């Protein structure tokens, strides 16, 4: 299924559905340029701490399905969209490729 402009629909992760490798891992990272503390103070900190436990604290590498589930919860917390154009959310997602081992 395509949109009217020919771009494949995005998955919940924001990656085009036809190009996303279902076996690829994704990275969730804190966006330190996100200007608002609202999301963090309304439950985002606890949500982040729950998934980041055992990691360095500023990013986690996850299975795409787990990341989608986590992001669905994160979007429901007030303040998720309180950022600027260049930093719209407190946490951002990056799809890792096989050669991105240094990002782990």
PDB file of N, CA and C in Angstrom:
ATOM      1  N   UNK A   1       0.842  -1.183   0.000  1.00  0.00           N
ATOM      2  CA  UNK A   1       0.000   0.000   0.000  1.00  0.00           C
ATOM      3  C   UNK A   1       0.882   1.239   0.000  1.00  0.00           C
ATOM      4  N   UNK A   2       0.618   2.178  -0.865  1.00  0.00           N
ATOM      5  CA  UNK A   2       1.388   3.411  -0.980  1.00  0.00           C
ATOM      6  C   UNK A   2       0.492   4.598  -0.736  1.00  0.00           C
ATOM      7  N   UNK A   3       1.114   5.688  -0.349  1.00  0.00           N
ATOM      8  CA  UNK A   3       0.362   6.929  -0.224  1.00  0.00           C
ATOM      9  C   UNK A   3       0.225   7.549  -1.602  1.00  0.00           C
ATOM     10  N   UNK A   4      -0.547   8.606  -1.698  1.00  0.00           N
ATOM     11  CA  UNK A   4      -0.801   9.261  -2.979  1.00  0.00           C
ATOM     12  C   UNK A   4       0.468   9.803  -3.608  1.00  0.00           C
ATOM     13  N   UNK A   5       1.468  10.157  -2.804  1.00  0.00           N
ATOM     14  CA  UNK A   5       2.692  10.708  -3.365  1.00  0.00           C
ATOM     15  C   UNK A   5       3.739   9.640  -3.684  1.00  0.00           C
ATOM     16  N   UNK A   6       3.377   8.369  -3.540  1.00  0.00           N
ATOM     17  CA  UNK A   6       4.282   7.294  -3.904  1.00  0.00           C
ATOM     18  C   UNK A   6       5.248   6.865  -2.815  1.00  0.00           C
ATOM     19  N   UNK A   7       5.183   7.471  -1.659  1.00  0.00           N
ATOM     20  CA  UNK A   7       6.070   7.099  -0.560  1.00  0.00           C
ATOM     21  C   UNK A   7       5.394   6.002   0.243  1.00  0.00           C
ATOM     22  N   UNK A   8       6.110   4.899   0.534  1.00  0.00           N
ATOM     23  CA  UNK A   8       5.489   3.829   1.309  1.00  0.00           C
ATOM     24  C   UNK A   8       5.049   4.346   2.673  1.00  0.00           C
ATOM     25  N   UNK A   9       3.961   3.794   3.219  1.00  0.00           N
ATOM     26  CA  UNK A   9       3.519   4.234   4.538  1.00  0.00           C
ATOM     27  C   UNK A   9       4.576   3.920   5.579  1.00  0.00           C
ATOM     28  N   UNK A  10       4.664   4.750   6.593  1.00  0.00           N
ATOM     29  CA  UNK A  10       5.652   4.546   7.648  1.00  0.00           C
ATOM     30  C   UNK A  10       5.134   3.534   8.650  1.00  0.00           C
ATOM     31  N   UNK A  11       6.051   2.770   9.198  1.00  0.00           N
ATOM     32  CA  UNK A  11       5.715   1.886  10.303  1.00  0.00           C
ATOM     33  C   UNK A  11       5.599   2.753  11.550  1.00  0.00           C
ATOM     34  N   UNK A  12       5.163   2.190  12.674  1.00  0.00           N
ATOM     35  CA  UNK A  12       5.121   2.983  13.902  1.00  0.00           C
ATOM     36  C   UNK A  12       6.496   3.533  14.293  1.00  0.00           C
ATOM     37  N   UNK A  13       7.562   2.929  13.800  1.00  0.00           N
ATOM     38  CA  UNK A  13       8.898   3.413  14.102  1.00  0.00           C
ATOM     39  C   UNK A  13       9.304   4.586  13.228  1.00  0.00           C
ATOM     40  N   UNK A  14       8.504   4.893  12.232  1.00  0.00           N
ATOM     41  CA  UNK A  14       8.831   6.010  11.363  1.00  0.00           C
ATOM     42  C   UNK A  14       9.664   5.602  10.163  1.00  0.00           C
ATOM     43  N   UNK A  15       9.996   4.334  10.040  1.00  0.00           N
ATOM     44  CA  UNK A  15      10.761   3.834   8.897  1.00  0.00           C
ATOM     45  C   UNK A  15       9.764   3.376   7.838  1.00  0.00           C
ATOM     46  N   UNK A  16      10.023   3.621   6.556  1.00  0.00           N
ATOM     47  CA  UNK A  16       9.107   3.120   5.541  1.00  0.00           C
ATOM     48  C   UNK A  16       8.895   1.621   5.714  1.00  0.00           C
ATOM     49  N   UNK A  17       7.655   1.181   5.698  1.00  0.00           N
ATOM     50  CA  UNK A  17       7.315  -0.206   5.982  1.00  0.00           C
ATOM     51  C   UNK A  17       7.970  -1.173   5.006  1.00  0.00           C
ATOM     52  N   UNK A  18       8.166  -0.770   3.750  1.00  0.00           N
ATOM     53  CA  UNK A  18       8.717  -1.689   2.770  1.00  0.00           C
ATOM     54  C   UNK A  18      10.232  -1.776   2.838  1.00  0.00           C
ATOM     55  N   UNK A  19      10.889  -0.869   3.566  1.00  0.00           N
ATOM     56  CA  UNK A  19      12.343  -0.904   3.611  1.00  0.00           C
ATOM     57  C   UNK A  19      12.885  -1.306   4.977  1.00  0.00           C
ATOM     58  N   UNK A  20      12.035  -1.381   5.978  1.00  0.00           N
ATOM     59  CA  UNK A  20      12.498  -1.724   7.311  1.00  0.00           C
ATOM     60  C   UNK A  20      12.829  -3.198   7.388  1.00  0.00           C
ATOM     61  N   UNK A  21      14.040  -3.538   7.801  1.00  0.00           N
ATOM     62  CA  UNK A  21      14.481  -4.910   7.974  1.00  0.00           C
ATOM     63  C   UNK A  21      13.960  -5.396   9.323  1.00  0.00           C
ATOM     64  N   UNK A  22      13.077  -6.384   9.296  1.00  0.00           N
ATOM     65  CA  UNK A  22      12.455  -6.870  10.529  1.00  0.00           C
ATOM     66  C   UNK A  22      13.477  -7.477  11.490  1.00  0.00           C
ATOM     67  N   UNK A  23      14.658  -7.853  11.021  1.00  0.00           N
ATOM     68  CA  UNK A  23      15.677  -8.441  11.886  1.00  0.00           C
ATOM     69  C   UNK A  23      16.644  -7.411  12.443  1.00  0.00           C
ATOM     70  N   UNK A  24      16.589  -6.187  11.940  1.00  0.00           N
ATOM     71  CA  UNK A  24      17.509  -5.148  12.387  1.00  0.00           C
ATOM     72  C   UNK A  24      17.119  -4.678  13.777  1.00  0.00           C
ATOM     73  N   UNK A  25      18.110  -4.318  14.537  1.00  0.00           N
ATOM     74  CA  UNK A  25      17.869  -3.759  15.859  1.00  0.00           C
ATOM     75  C   UNK A  25      17.714  -2.248  15.713  1.00  0.00           C
ATOM     76  N   UNK A  26      17.109  -1.637  16.720  1.00  0.00           N
ATOM     77  CA  UNK A  26      16.948  -0.195  16.732  1.00  0.00           C
ATOM     78  C   UNK A  26      17.540   0.353  18.019  1.00  0.00           C
ATOM     79  N   UNK A  27      17.847   1.624  17.984  1.00  0.00           N
ATOM     80  CA  UNK A  27      18.435   2.293  19.141  1.00  0.00           C
ATOM     81  C   UNK A  27      17.527   3.439  19.562  1.00  0.00           C
ATOM     82  N   UNK A  28      17.145   3.439  20.832  1.00  0.00           N
ATOM     83  CA  UNK A  28      16.431   4.568  21.416  1.00  0.00           C
ATOM     84  C   UNK A  28      17.453   5.363  22.205  1.00  0.00           C
ATOM     85  N   UNK A  29      17.486   6.675  21.993  1.00  0.00           N
ATOM     86  CA  UNK A  29      18.461   7.545  22.655  1.00  0.00           C
ATOM     87  C   UNK A  29      17.762   8.768  23.224  1.00  0.00           C
ATOM     88  N   UNK A  30      18.248   9.209  24.369  1.00  0.00           N
ATOM     89  CA  UNK A  30      17.771  10.468  24.933  1.00  0.00           C
ATOM     90  C   UNK A  30      18.213  11.595  24.013  1.00  0.00           C
ATOM     91  N   UNK A  31      17.302  12.493  23.710  1.00  0.00           N
ATOM     92  CA  UNK A  31      17.650  13.670  22.923  1.00  0.00           C
ATOM     93  C   UNK A  31      17.930  14.799  23.909  1.00  0.00           C
ATOM     94  N   UNK A  32      19.200  15.066  24.123  1.00  0.00           N
ATOM     95  CA  UNK A  32      19.604  16.056  25.116  1.00  0.00           C
ATOM     96  C   UNK A  32      19.285  17.491  24.698  1.00  0.00           C
ATOM     97  N   UNK A  33      18.871  17.697  23.453  1.00  0.00           N
ATOM     98  CA  UNK A  33      18.476  19.035  23.008  1.00  0.00           C
ATOM     99  C   UNK A  33      16.987  19.276  23.179  1.00  0.00           C
ATOM    100  N   UNK A  34      16.239  18.271  23.631  1.00  0.00           N
ATOM    101  CA  UNK A  34      14.810  18.418  23.886  1.00  0.00           C
ATOM    102  C   UNK A  34      14.639  19.415  25.028  1.00  0.00           C
ATOM    103  N   UNK A  35      13.921  20.528  24.798  1.00  0.00           N
ATOM    104  CA  UNK A  35      13.921  21.624  25.765  1.00  0.00           C
ATOM    105  C   UNK A  35      13.009  21.469  26.985  1.00  0.00           C
ATOM    106  N   UNK A  36      12.017  20.614  26.927  1.00  0.00           N
ATOM    107  CA  UNK A  36      11.025  20.533  28.000  1.00  0.00           C
ATOM    108  C   UNK A  36      11.347  19.425  29.000  1.00  0.00           C
ATOM    109  N   UNK A  37      11.004  19.646  30.258  1.00  0.00           N
ATOM    110  CA  UNK A  37      11.136  18.619  31.301  1.00  0.00           C
ATOM    111  C   UNK A  37       9.786  17.965  31.594  1.00  0.00           C
ATOM    112  N   UNK A  38       8.714  18.447  30.957  1.00  0.00           N
ATOM    113  CA  UNK A  38       7.361  17.975  31.255  1.00  0.00           C
ATOM    114  C   UNK A  38       7.230  16.468  31.111  1.00  0.00           C
ATOM    115  N   UNK A  39       7.688  15.908  30.006  1.00  0.00           N
ATOM    116  CA  UNK A  39       7.568  14.471  29.773  1.00  0.00           C
ATOM    117  C   UNK A  39       8.309  13.691  30.851  1.00  0.00           C
ATOM    118  N   UNK A  40       9.522  14.111  31.151  1.00  0.00           N
ATOM    119  CA  UNK A  40      10.333  13.421  32.153  1.00  0.00           C
ATOM    120  C   UNK A  40       9.669  13.455  33.528  1.00  0.00           C
ATOM    121  N   UNK A  41       9.075  14.580  33.873  1.00  0.00           N
ATOM    122  CA  UNK A  41       8.466  14.758  35.193  1.00  0.00           C
ATOM    123  C   UNK A  41       7.093  14.107  35.317  1.00  0.00           C
ATOM    124  N   UNK A  42       6.445  13.778  34.202  1.00  0.00           N
ATOM    125  CA  UNK A  42       5.111  13.171  34.223  1.00  0.00           C
ATOM    126  C   UNK A  42       5.121  11.652  34.054  1.00  0.00           C
ATOM    127  N   UNK A  43       6.249  11.027  34.269  1.00  0.00           N
ATOM    128  CA  UNK A  43       6.337   9.573  34.173  1.00  0.00           C
ATOM    129  C   UNK A  43       7.332   9.074  33.156  1.00  0.00           C
ATOM    130  N   UNK A  44       7.831   9.958  32.311  1.00  0.00           N
ATOM    131  CA  UNK A  44       8.812   9.548  31.303  1.00  0.00           C
ATOM    132  C   UNK A  44      10.108   9.047  31.905  1.00  0.00           C
ATOM    133  N   UNK A  45      10.542   9.669  32.997  1.00  0.00           N
ATOM    134  CA  UNK A  45      11.795   9.241  33.636  1.00  0.00           C
ATOM    135  C   UNK A  45      11.681   7.795  34.115  1.00  0.00           C
ATOM    136  N   UNK A  46      10.573   7.454  34.747  1.00  0.00           N
ATOM    137  CA  UNK A  46      10.380   6.086  35.222  1.00  0.00           C
ATOM    138  C   UNK A  46      10.291   5.102  34.057  1.00  0.00           C
ATOM    139  N   UNK A  47       9.602   5.508  32.989  1.00  0.00           N
ATOM    140  CA  UNK A  47       9.501   4.649  31.810  1.00  0.00           C
ATOM    141  C   UNK A  47      10.881   4.420  31.202  1.00  0.00           C
ATOM    142  N   UNK A  48      11.670   5.483  31.059  1.00  0.00           N
ATOM    143  CA  UNK A  48      13.020   5.362  30.512  1.00  0.00           C
ATOM    144  C   UNK A  48      13.901   4.502  31.422  1.00  0.00           C
ATOM    145  N   UNK A  49      13.868   4.754  32.716  1.00  0.00           N
ATOM    146  CA  UNK A  49      14.698   3.987  33.645  1.00  0.00           C
ATOM    147  C   UNK A  49      14.363   2.501  33.596  1.00  0.00           C
ATOM    148  N   UNK A  50      13.098   2.182  33.373  1.00  0.00           N
ATOM    149  CA  UNK A  50      12.678   0.786  33.300  1.00  0.00           C
ATOM    150  C   UNK A  50      13.269   0.045  32.119  1.00  0.00           C
ATOM    151  N   UNK A  51      13.478   0.726  31.011  1.00  0.00           N
ATOM    152  CA  UNK A  51      14.038   0.058  29.832  1.00  0.00           C
ATOM    153  C   UNK A  51      15.547   0.231  29.734  1.00  0.00           C
ATOM    154  N   UNK A  52      16.073   1.286  30.335  1.00  0.00           N
ATOM    155  CA  UNK A  52      17.510   1.578  30.210  1.00  0.00           C
ATOM    156  C   UNK A  52      18.348   0.891  31.283  1.00  0.00           C
ATOM    157  N   UNK A  53      17.715   0.234  32.243  1.00  0.00           N
ATOM    158  CA  UNK A  53      18.452  -0.442  33.303  1.00  0.00           C
ATOM    159  C   UNK A  53      19.443  -1.431  32.691  1.00  0.00           C
ATOM    160  N   UNK A  54      20.677  -1.337  33.098  1.00  0.00           N
ATOM    161  CA  UNK A  54      21.717  -2.218  32.583  1.00  0.00           C
ATOM    162  C   UNK A  54      22.457  -1.658  31.382  1.00  0.00           C
ATOM    163  N   UNK A  55      21.988  -0.552  30.841  1.00  0.00           N
ATOM    164  CA  UNK A  55      22.671   0.103  29.732  1.00  0.00           C
ATOM    165  C   UNK A  55      23.378   1.336  30.278  1.00  0.00           C
ATOM    166  N   UNK A  56      23.976   2.119  29.400  1.00  0.00           N
ATOM    167  CA  UNK A  56      24.736   3.285  29.864  1.00  0.00           C
ATOM    168  C   UNK A  56      23.846   4.428  30.335  1.00  0.00           C
ATOM    169  N   UNK A  57      22.559   4.310  30.153  1.00  0.00           N
ATOM    170  CA  UNK A  57      21.636   5.331  30.623  1.00  0.00           C
ATOM    171  C   UNK A  57      21.198   6.326  29.578  1.00  0.00           C
ATOM    172  N   UNK A  58      21.971   6.529  28.508  1.00  0.00           N
ATOM    173  CA  UNK A  58      21.574   7.506  27.506  1.00  0.00           C
ATOM    174  C   UNK A  58      21.031   6.872  26.230  1.00  0.00           C
ATOM    175  N   UNK A  59      21.212   5.547  26.073  1.00  0.00           N
ATOM    176  CA  UNK A  59      20.635   4.850  24.928  1.00  0.00           C
ATOM    177  C   UNK A  59      20.449   3.368  25.238  1.00  0.00           C
ATOM    178  N   UNK A  60      19.555   2.744  24.476  1.00  0.00           N
ATOM    179  CA  UNK A  60      19.329   1.304  24.565  1.00  0.00           C
ATOM    180  C   UNK A  60      19.188   0.759  23.154  1.00  0.00           C
ATOM    181  N   UNK A  61      19.586  -0.481  22.960  1.00  0.00           N
ATOM    182  CA  UNK A  61      19.427  -1.163  21.686  1.00  0.00           C
ATOM    183  C   UNK A  61      18.392  -2.253  21.896  1.00  0.00           C
ATOM    184  N   UNK A  62      17.361  -2.237  21.045  1.00  0.00           N
ATOM    185  CA  UNK A  62      16.213  -3.108  21.242  1.00  0.00           C
ATOM    186  C   UNK A  62      15.755  -3.768  19.955  1.00  0.00           C
ATOM    187  N   UNK A  63      14.987  -4.797  20.116  1.00  0.00           N
ATOM    188  CA  UNK A  63      14.236  -5.406  19.039  1.00  0.00           C
ATOM    189  C   UNK A  63      13.191  -4.377  18.578  1.00  0.00           C
ATOM    190  N   UNK A  64      12.913  -4.274  17.291  1.00  0.00           N
ATOM    191  CA  UNK A  64      11.948  -3.276  16.808  1.00  0.00           C
ATOM    192  C   UNK A  64      10.564  -3.385  17.449  1.00  0.00           C
ATOM    193  N   UNK A  65      10.095  -4.588  17.711  1.00  0.00           N
ATOM    194  CA  UNK A  65       8.768  -4.742  18.308  1.00  0.00           C
ATOM    195  C   UNK A  65       8.727  -4.203  19.731  1.00  0.00           C
ATOM    196  N   UNK A  66       9.784  -4.441  20.501  1.00  0.00           N
ATOM    197  CA  UNK A  66       9.854  -3.901  21.853  1.00  0.00           C
ATOM    198  C   UNK A  66       9.932  -2.375  21.815  1.00  0.00           C
ATOM    199  N   UNK A  67      10.709  -1.848  20.877  1.00  0.00           N
ATOM    200  CA  UNK A  67      10.819  -0.395  20.732  1.00  0.00           C
ATOM    201  C   UNK A  67       9.466   0.214  20.366  1.00  0.00           C
ATOM    202  N   UNK A  68       8.722  -0.423  19.465  1.00  0.00           N
ATOM    203  CA  UNK A  68       7.399   0.077  19.086  1.00  0.00           C
ATOM    204  C   UNK A  68       6.471   0.107  20.291  1.00  0.00           C
ATOM    205  N   UNK A  69       6.499  -0.933  21.096  1.00  0.00           N
ATOM    206  CA  UNK A  69       5.668  -0.997  22.294  1.00  0.00           C
ATOM    207  C   UNK A  69       6.051   0.101  23.286  1.00  0.00           C
ATOM    208  N   UNK A  70       7.349   0.283  23.483  1.00  0.00           N
ATOM    209  CA  UNK A  70       7.833   1.305  24.414  1.00  0.00           C
ATOM    210  C   UNK A  70       7.431   2.694  23.919  1.00  0.00           C
ATOM    211  N   UNK A  71       7.616   2.947  22.635  1.00  0.00           N
ATOM    212  CA  UNK A  71       7.267   4.259  22.076  1.00  0.00           C
ATOM    213  C   UNK A  71       5.767   4.540  22.176  1.00  0.00           C
ATOM    214  N   UNK A  72       4.938   3.520  22.040  1.00  0.00           N
ATOM    215  CA  UNK A  72       3.493   3.710  22.189  1.00  0.00           C
ATOM    216  C   UNK A  72       3.174   4.208  23.593  1.00  0.00           C
ATOM    217  N   UNK A  73       3.822   3.643  24.600  1.00  0.00           N
ATOM    218  CA  UNK A  73       3.629   4.105  25.971  1.00  0.00           C
ATOM    219  C   UNK A  73       4.182   5.518  26.144  1.00  0.00           C
ATOM    220  N   UNK A  74       5.357   5.763  25.597  1.00  0.00           N
ATOM    221  CA  UNK A  74       6.021   7.062  25.754  1.00  0.00           C
ATOM    222  C   UNK A  74       5.188   8.188  25.151  1.00  0.00           C
ATOM    223  N   UNK A  75       4.570   7.936  24.006  1.00  0.00           N
ATOM    224  CA  UNK A  75       3.755   8.962  23.344  1.00  0.00           C
ATOM    225  C   UNK A  75       2.531   9.362  24.162  1.00  0.00           C
ATOM    226  N   UNK A  76       2.085   8.478  25.045  1.00  0.00           N
ATOM    227  CA  UNK A  76       0.915   8.761  25.861  1.00  0.00           C
ATOM    228  C   UNK A  76       1.189   9.619  27.078  1.00  0.00           C
ATOM    229  N   UNK A  77       2.438   9.894  27.370  1.00  0.00           N
ATOM    230  CA  UNK A  77       2.795  10.700  28.532  1.00  0.00           C
ATOM    231  C   UNK A  77       2.798  12.176  28.128  1.00  0.00           C
ATOM    232  N   UNK A  78       2.118  13.022  28.919  1.00  0.00           N
ATOM    233  CA  UNK A  78       2.090  14.454  28.595  1.00  0.00           C
ATOM    234  C   UNK A  78       3.502  15.029  28.457  1.00  0.00           C
ATOM    235  N   UNK A  79       3.700  15.823  27.404  1.00  0.00           N
ATOM    236  CA  UNK A  79       4.985  16.457  27.148  1.00  0.00           C
ATOM    237  C   UNK A  79       5.787  15.799  26.048  1.00  0.00           C
ATOM    238  N   UNK A  80       5.325  14.659  25.510  1.00  0.00           N
ATOM    239  CA  UNK A  80       6.066  13.956  24.460  1.00  0.00           C
ATOM    240  C   UNK A  80       6.324  14.867  23.256  1.00  0.00           C
ATOM    241  N   UNK A  81       5.365  15.676  22.889  1.00  0.00           N
ATOM    242  CA  UNK A  81       5.484  16.549  21.716  1.00  0.00           C
ATOM    243  C   UNK A  81       5.858  17.981  22.075  1.00  0.00           C
ATOM    244  N   UNK A  82       6.466  18.194  23.225  1.00  0.00           N
ATOM    245  CA  UNK A  82       6.748  19.556  23.700  1.00  0.00           C
ATOM    246  C   UNK A  82       8.078  20.117  23.210  1.00  0.00           C
ATOM    247  N   UNK A  83       8.699  19.459  22.270  1.00  0.00           N
ATOM    248  CA  UNK A  83       9.998  19.920  21.793  1.00  0.00           C
ATOM    249  C   UNK A  83       9.903  20.898  20.640  1.00  0.00           C
ATOM    250  N   UNK A  84      11.063  21.180  20.078  1.00  0.00           N
ATOM    251  CA  UNK A  84      11.160  22.109  18.945  1.00  0.00           C
ATOM    252  C   UNK A  84      11.197  21.323  17.641  1.00  0.00           C
ATOM    253  N   UNK A  85      11.264  22.028  16.540  1.00  0.00           N
ATOM    254  CA  UNK A  85      11.306  21.369  15.238  1.00  0.00           C
ATOM    255  C   UNK A  85      12.520  20.453  15.107  1.00  0.00           C
ATOM    256  N   UNK A  86      13.659  20.864  15.610  1.00  0.00           N
ATOM    257  CA  UNK A  86      14.872  20.054  15.486  1.00  0.00           C
ATOM    258  C   UNK A  86      14.980  18.985  16.572  1.00  0.00           C
ATOM    259  N   UNK A  87      14.173  19.074  17.596  1.00  0.00           N
ATOM    260  CA  UNK A  87      14.194  18.116  18.697  1.00  0.00           C
ATOM    261  C   UNK A  87      12.769  17.939  19.226  1.00  0.00           C
ATOM    262  N   UNK A  88      11.909  17.253  18.456  1.00  0.00           N
ATOM    263  CA  UNK A  88      10.487  17.214  18.803  1.00  0.00           C
ATOM    264  C   UNK A  88      10.104  16.329  19.991  1.00  0.00           C
ATOM    265  N   UNK A  89      10.924  15.327  20.318  1.00  0.00           N
ATOM    266  CA  UNK A  89      10.586  14.364  21.364  1.00  0.00           C
ATOM    267  C   UNK A  89      11.781  14.137  22.291  1.00  0.00           C
ATOM    268  N   UNK A  90      11.543  13.696  23.518  1.00  0.00           N
ATOM    269  CA  UNK A  90      12.637  13.492  24.468  1.00  0.00           C
ATOM    270  C   UNK A  90      13.526  12.296  24.144  1.00  0.00           C
ATOM    271  N   UNK A  91      13.015  11.371  23.369  1.00  0.00           N
ATOM    272  CA  UNK A  91      13.762  10.169  22.986  1.00  0.00           C
ATOM    273  C   UNK A  91      13.604  10.002  21.490  1.00  0.00           C
ATOM    274  N   UNK A  92      14.699   9.673  20.806  1.00  0.00           N
ATOM    275  CA  UNK A  92      14.576   9.449  19.370  1.00  0.00           C
ATOM    276  C   UNK A  92      15.067   8.053  19.007  1.00  0.00           C
ATOM    277  N   UNK A  93      14.630   7.600  17.874  1.00  0.00           N
ATOM    278  CA  UNK A  93      14.902   6.256  17.395  1.00  0.00           C
ATOM    279  C   UNK A  93      15.835   6.290  16.199  1.00  0.00           C
ATOM    280  N   UNK A  94      16.768   5.361  16.166  1.00  0.00           N
ATOM    281  CA  UNK A  94      17.666   5.185  15.034  1.00  0.00           C
ATOM    282  C   UNK A  94      17.651   3.717  14.661  1.00  0.00           C
ATOM    283  N   UNK A  95      17.459   3.409  13.393  1.00  0.00           N
ATOM    284  CA  UNK A  95      17.532   2.018  12.960  1.00  0.00           C
ATOM    285  C   UNK A  95      18.992   1.671  12.731  1.00  0.00           C
ATOM    286  N   UNK A  96      19.442   0.597  13.347  1.00  0.00           N
ATOM    287  CA  UNK A  96      20.828   0.171  13.206  1.00  0.00           C
ATOM    288  C   UNK A  96      20.974  -0.765  12.020  1.00  0.00           C
ATOM    289  N   UNK A  97      22.075  -0.648  11.348  1.00  0.00           N
ATOM    290  CA  UNK A  97      22.428  -1.556  10.275  1.00  0.00           C
ATOM    291  C   UNK A  97      23.427  -2.553  10.841  1.00  0.00           C
ATOM    292  N   UNK A  98      23.697  -3.619  10.109  1.00  0.00           N
ATOM    293  CA  UNK A  98      24.614  -4.646  10.591  1.00  0.00           C
ATOM    294  C   UNK A  98      25.991  -4.099  10.927  1.00  0.00           C
ATOM    295  N   UNK A  99      26.431  -3.061  10.207  1.00  0.00           N
ATOM    296  CA  UNK A  99      27.773  -2.517  10.428  1.00  0.00           C
ATOM    297  C   UNK A  99      27.806  -1.425  11.494  1.00  0.00           C
ATOM    298  N   UNK A 100      26.726  -1.234  12.231  1.00  0.00           N
ATOM    299  CA  UNK A 100      26.646  -0.210  13.257  1.00  0.00           C
ATOM    300  C   UNK A 100      26.997  -0.735  14.646  1.00  0.00           C
ATOM    301  N   UNK A 101      27.820  -1.749  14.741  1.00  0.00           N
ATOM    302  CA  UNK A 101      28.135  -2.341  16.037  1.00  0.00           C
ATOM    303  C   UNK A 101      28.734  -1.340  17.016  1.00  0.00           C
ATOM    304  N   UNK A 102      29.432  -0.308  16.509  1.00  0.00           N
ATOM    305  CA  UNK A 102      30.011   0.683  17.406  1.00  0.00           C
ATOM    306  C   UNK A 102      28.944   1.520  18.101  1.00  0.00           C
ATOM    307  N   UNK A 103      27.714   1.518  17.593  1.00  0.00           N
ATOM    308  CA  UNK A 103      26.620   2.263  18.202  1.00  0.00           C
ATOM    309  C   UNK A 103      25.959   1.490  19.351  1.00  0.00           C
ATOM    310  N   UNK A 104      26.319   0.241  19.508  1.00  0.00           N
ATOM    311  CA  UNK A 104      25.705  -0.577  20.547  1.00  0.00           C
ATOM    312  C   UNK A 104      26.203  -0.172  21.855  1.00  0.00           C
TER     313      UNK A 104
END
